[in-house]
Every structure is written in C-alpha cells, then in structure tokens.
C-alpha atoms as a PDB file:
ATOM      1  CA  UNK A   1      -9.932   2.773  -4.655  1.00  0.00           C
ATOM      2  CA  UNK A   2      -9.396   0.413  -1.754  1.00  0.00           C
ATOM      3  CA  UNK A   3      -6.242  -1.322  -0.570  1.00  0.00           C
ATOM      4  CA  UNK A   4      -7.638  -4.657  -1.722  1.00  0.00           C
ATOM      5  CA  UNK A   5      -8.025  -3.367  -5.284  1.00  0.00           C
ATOM      6  CA  UNK A   6      -4.491  -1.972  -5.258  1.00  0.00           C
ATOM      7  CA  UNK A   7      -3.016  -5.175  -3.828  1.00  0.00           C
ATOM      8  CA  UNK A   8      -4.795  -7.232  -6.465  1.00  0.00           C
ATOM      9  CA  UNK A   9      -3.406  -5.010  -9.240  1.00  0.00           C
ATOM     10  CA  UNK A  10       0.122  -5.017  -7.805  1.00  0.00           C
ATOM     11  CA  UNK A  11       0.143  -8.807  -7.545  1.00  0.00           C
ATOM     12  CA  UNK A  12      -0.900  -9.043 -11.209  1.00  0.00           C
ATOM     13  CA  UNK A  13       1.762  -6.508 -12.233  1.00  0.00           C
ATOM     14  CA  UNK A  14       4.345  -8.553 -10.334  1.00  0.00           C
ATOM     15  CA  UNK A  15       3.934 -11.299 -12.953  1.00  0.00           C
ATOM     16  CA  UNK A  16       5.247  -8.986 -15.674  1.00  0.00           C
ATOM     17  CA  UNK A  17       7.699  -6.937 -13.602  1.00  0.00           C
ATOM     18  CA  UNK A  18      11.385  -6.792 -14.443  1.00  0.00           C
ATOM     19  CA  UNK A  19      13.454  -8.849 -12.012  1.00  0.00           C
ATOM     20  CA  UNK A  20      15.449  -5.840 -10.806  1.00  0.00           C
ATOM     21  CA  UNK A  21      12.221  -4.100  -9.736  1.00  0.00           C
ATOM     22  CA  UNK A  22      10.701  -6.955  -7.738  1.00  0.00           C
ATOM     23  CA  UNK A  23      12.138  -5.745  -4.409  1.00  0.00           C
ATOM     24  CA  UNK A  24      10.621  -2.299  -4.961  1.00  0.00           C
ATOM     25  CA  UNK A  25       7.263  -3.783  -5.903  1.00  0.00           C
ATOM     26  CA  UNK A  26       7.373  -6.046  -2.841  1.00  0.00           C
ATOM     27  CA  UNK A  27       8.037  -2.960  -0.705  1.00  0.00           C
ATOM     28  CA  UNK A  28       5.003  -1.188  -2.174  1.00  0.00           C
ATOM     29  CA  UNK A  29       2.859  -4.258  -1.489  1.00  0.00           C
ATOM     30  CA  UNK A  30       4.128  -4.416   2.103  1.00  0.00           C
ATOM     31  CA  UNK A  31       3.256  -0.743   2.618  1.00  0.00           C
ATOM     32  CA  UNK A  32      -0.310  -1.223   1.371  1.00  0.00           C
ATOM     33  CA  UNK A  33      -0.675  -4.361   3.514  1.00  0.00           C
ATOM     34  CA  UNK A  34       0.542  -2.409   6.578  1.00  0.00           C
ATOM     35  CA  UNK A  35      -1.948   0.388   5.912  1.00  0.00           C
ATOM     36  CA  UNK A  36      -4.725  -2.184   5.598  1.00  0.00           C
ATOM     37  CA  UNK A  37      -3.664  -3.928   8.824  1.00  0.00           C
ATOM     38  CA  UNK A  38      -3.649  -0.558  10.614  1.00  0.00           C
ATOM     39  CA  UNK A  39      -7.228   0.109   9.525  1.00  0.00           C
ATOM     40  CA  UNK A  40      -6.489   2.634   6.790  1.00  0.00           C
ATOM     41  CA  UNK A  41      -8.767   1.358   4.039  1.00  0.00           C
ATOM     42  CA  UNK A  42      -8.490   4.247   1.550  1.00  0.00           C
ATOM     43  CA  UNK A  43      -5.066   5.877   1.946  1.00  0.00           C
ATOM     44  CA  UNK A  44      -5.627   8.534  -0.724  1.00  0.00           C
ATOM     45  CA  UNK A  45      -8.610   9.850   1.225  1.00  0.00           C
ATOM     46  CA  UNK A  46      -6.924   9.655   4.646  1.00  0.00           C
ATOM     47  CA  UNK A  47      -5.753  12.818   6.397  1.00  0.00           C
ATOM     48  CA  UNK A  48      -2.362  11.666   7.640  1.00  0.00           C
ATOM     49  CA  UNK A  49      -1.690  15.055   9.228  1.00  0.00           C
ATOM     50  CA  UNK A  50      -4.388  14.261  11.777  1.00  0.00           C
ATOM     51  CA  UNK A  51      -2.836  10.852  12.453  1.00  0.00           C
ATOM     52  CA  UNK A  52       0.550  12.464  13.099  1.00  0.00           C
ATOM     53  CA  UNK A  53      -1.010  14.842  15.645  1.00  0.00           C
ATOM     54  CA  UNK A  54      -2.808  11.976  17.423  1.00  0.00           C
ATOM     55  CA  UNK A  55       0.408   9.974  17.849  1.00  0.00           C
ATOM     56  CA  UNK A  56       2.216  12.775  19.710  1.00  0.00           C
END
C-alpha cells in the first residue's frame, strides 16, 4: 500500500470521525505526508533501522 492510498483513505475517514479524534487523525495524515515528502513511498516495507544508521 502506498502513502497516496493511505492518505486518500484517511481523508475519507475524516468525514465520519468523531470531533475529539480529529487532531489525532490530522497528526496521522501529517506523518504520512512527511514520509511521502521525504521519499518514503511504502513505509511498511522501509527498513528504518538503516535510515537511523545513515543519519549518524
């Protein structure tokens, strides 16, 4: 599943989300958008341990 598919689903879910959960949903959307902007297209298949080693 790609970030675009997840973002599309989250935006649709936002329509039916309880008001007290909107901030949390917005945070999740922002995280996926950040991953996408940083070039991580499929986060579930990404080895983040390698990324942590590269940033040191």
